[in-house]
Protein backbone atom coordinates (compact mmCIF):
# COMPACT_ATOMS: atom_id res chain seq x y z
CA MET A 1 5.06 -0.84 -16.21
CA VAL A 2 4.77 1.20 -13.10
CA LYS A 3 6.30 -1.16 -10.09
CA LEU A 4 4.55 -0.27 -6.42
CA TYR A 5 6.31 -1.37 -3.04
CA THR A 6 4.26 -0.61 -0.11
CA ASP A 7 4.37 -1.25 3.55
CA ALA A 8 3.05 -0.02 6.81
CA ALA A 9 3.93 -0.18 10.32
CA VAL A 10 1.77 0.22 13.43
CA LYS A 11 2.78 1.03 17.02
CA GLY A 12 0.28 -0.72 19.32
CA ASN A 13 -2.37 -3.02 17.15
CA PRO A 14 -4.33 -1.13 17.05
CA GLY A 15 -2.61 1.98 17.65
CA PRO A 16 -0.97 5.29 15.18
CA ALA A 17 0.23 3.88 11.97
CA ALA A 18 2.18 4.97 8.65
CA CYS A 19 3.01 3.76 5.22
CA GLY A 20 5.81 3.86 3.04
CA ILE A 21 5.43 4.14 -0.79
CA LEU A 22 7.94 3.21 -3.54
CA ILE A 23 6.72 3.76 -6.79
CA THR A 24 9.82 3.05 -9.93
CA GLY A 25 9.64 2.78 -13.29
CA ASN A 26 8.23 4.64 -16.67
CA GLY A 27 10.97 7.47 -15.78
CA ILE A 28 9.78 8.05 -12.69
CA HIS A 29 11.63 7.56 -9.26
CA LEU A 30 9.26 8.47 -5.70
CA GLN A 31 10.01 7.35 -2.53
CA LEU A 32 7.16 8.66 0.26
CA SER A 33 5.24 8.06 3.44
CA ARG A 34 2.13 8.77 4.84
CA VAL A 35 -0.14 8.82 8.46
CA LEU A 36 -3.05 5.86 7.75
CA GLY A 37 -4.36 7.46 11.29
CA VAL A 38 -5.42 4.69 13.92
CA MET A 39 -6.22 0.99 12.58
CA ASP A 40 -4.84 -2.27 13.73
CA ASN A 41 -1.38 -4.14 10.77
CA HIS A 42 -4.08 -5.79 8.30
CA THR A 43 -5.70 -2.53 7.92
CA ALA A 44 -2.61 -0.44 7.71
CA GLU A 45 -1.55 -2.54 5.22
CA LEU A 46 -4.48 -1.95 2.66
CA ALA A 47 -4.58 1.48 3.39
CA ALA A 48 -1.25 1.44 2.45
CA ILE A 49 -1.84 0.27 -0.93
CA LEU A 50 -4.77 2.23 -1.81
CA ALA A 51 -2.28 5.13 -0.69
CA GLY A 52 0.28 3.82 -3.00
CA LEU A 53 -2.79 3.58 -5.78
CA GLU A 54 -3.91 6.82 -5.44
CA THR A 55 -0.19 8.55 -5.99
CA ILE A 56 0.13 6.79 -8.68
CA GLU A 57 -3.12 8.42 -9.43
CA GLU A 58 -2.25 11.68 -8.83
CA LYS A 59 0.92 11.66 -10.75
CA GLY A 60 -1.23 11.12 -13.88
CA LEU A 61 0.48 7.44 -14.13
CA GLN A 62 -3.16 5.93 -15.15
CA GLY A 63 -1.80 4.89 -18.97
CA ALA A 64 0.82 2.26 -17.65
CA ALA A 65 0.16 -1.31 -15.95
CA VAL A 66 0.88 -1.54 -12.65
CA LEU A 67 2.93 -4.12 -10.38
CA VAL A 68 1.74 -3.66 -6.60
CA HIS A 69 4.61 -5.24 -3.92
CA SER A 70 3.61 -6.12 -0.36
CA ASP A 71 4.96 -8.13 2.74
CA SER A 72 1.66 -8.97 3.51
CA LYS A 73 0.11 -12.26 3.10
CA ALA A 74 -3.14 -11.02 4.49
CA ALA A 75 -3.37 -8.29 2.31
CA ILE A 76 -2.81 -9.54 -1.13
CA GLN A 77 -5.00 -12.89 -0.39
CA ALA A 78 -7.48 -10.11 0.35
CA ILE A 79 -7.09 -8.61 -2.80
CA ASP A 80 -7.25 -11.33 -4.46
CA LYS A 81 -10.68 -12.73 -2.66
CA ASN A 82 -11.96 -9.21 -3.18
CA TYR A 83 -13.60 -9.81 0.43
CA SER A 84 -13.05 -9.58 4.31
CA ARG A 85 -15.39 -10.18 7.32
CA ASP A 86 -13.70 -6.59 8.63
CA PRO A 87 -16.43 -3.98 7.16
CA GLN A 88 -13.40 -1.21 7.42
CA ARG A 89 -10.69 -3.50 5.54
CA GLN A 90 -14.01 -4.29 3.21
CA ALA A 91 -14.28 -0.75 2.50
CA LEU A 92 -10.44 -0.59 1.30
CA LEU A 93 -10.49 -3.70 -0.49
CA ASP A 94 -14.25 -1.76 -2.35
CA LYS A 95 -11.53 1.46 -2.92
CA ILE A 96 -8.57 -0.37 -4.28
CA GLN A 97 -11.29 -2.33 -7.39
CA GLN A 98 -12.07 1.23 -7.52
CA LYS A 99 -9.24 2.60 -7.85
CA THR A 100 -7.58 -0.07 -10.58
CA SER A 101 -10.41 -0.22 -13.30
CA ALA A 102 -8.73 3.17 -13.90
CA TRP A 103 -5.63 1.01 -15.13
CA PRO A 104 -5.67 -1.58 -18.18
CA LEU A 105 -3.46 -4.13 -16.20
CA VAL A 106 -3.31 -4.15 -12.30
CA LEU A 107 -1.25 -7.28 -10.66
CA PHE A 108 -0.38 -7.75 -7.10
CA GLN A 109 2.06 -9.65 -5.59
CA TRP A 110 3.42 -11.12 -2.39
CA ILE A 111 7.22 -10.33 -1.59
CA PRO A 112 9.72 -11.49 1.05
CA GLU A 113 9.74 -8.76 3.83
CA LYS A 114 13.96 -8.54 2.47
CA GLN A 115 12.74 -7.57 -0.86
CA ASN A 116 10.51 -4.86 0.66
CA ARG A 117 12.61 -3.00 2.96
CA GLY A 118 12.73 0.68 0.76
CA ALA A 119 9.34 0.86 1.77
CA ASP A 120 9.28 -0.37 4.71
CA GLN A 121 11.73 1.69 6.19
CA LEU A 122 9.95 4.78 5.17
CA ALA A 123 6.95 3.31 6.85
CA ARG A 124 8.88 3.13 10.08
CA GLN A 125 10.72 6.72 9.71
CA LYS A 126 6.96 8.41 9.55
CA LEU A 127 5.84 6.26 12.37
CA HIS A 128 8.75 7.02 14.57
CA ALA A 129 8.17 10.89 13.34
CA ILE A 130 4.70 11.05 14.59
CA SER A 131 4.67 8.56 17.50
CA PRO A 132 8.31 8.45 18.64
């Protein structure tokens, strides 16, 4: 099983956003961060999850079961419902659903912030680098 931890950081709301991605399992341990562009916090959390899934796909791990961890209750609830009133978030949800169809099993789980410190630090470091 591959474990994916994601978090987003936004300066302002909306504002410049970045994400942190940790991937472990199946002999892999990756720590990455990405610039997401300008968006609000809830949208950035969904974009972070999508970026993590894209990274897993890029690494050729589609055959593994995936456990996605996020400290954003709003993002996990939106994914569970596959619905958002916001068109930009709904577009991200649609992309997440499309990506997850490539894996035999994908589970999404909310975790407390203290259990997501690695992804949080990566996101904050990237945000600070692009928007000091």
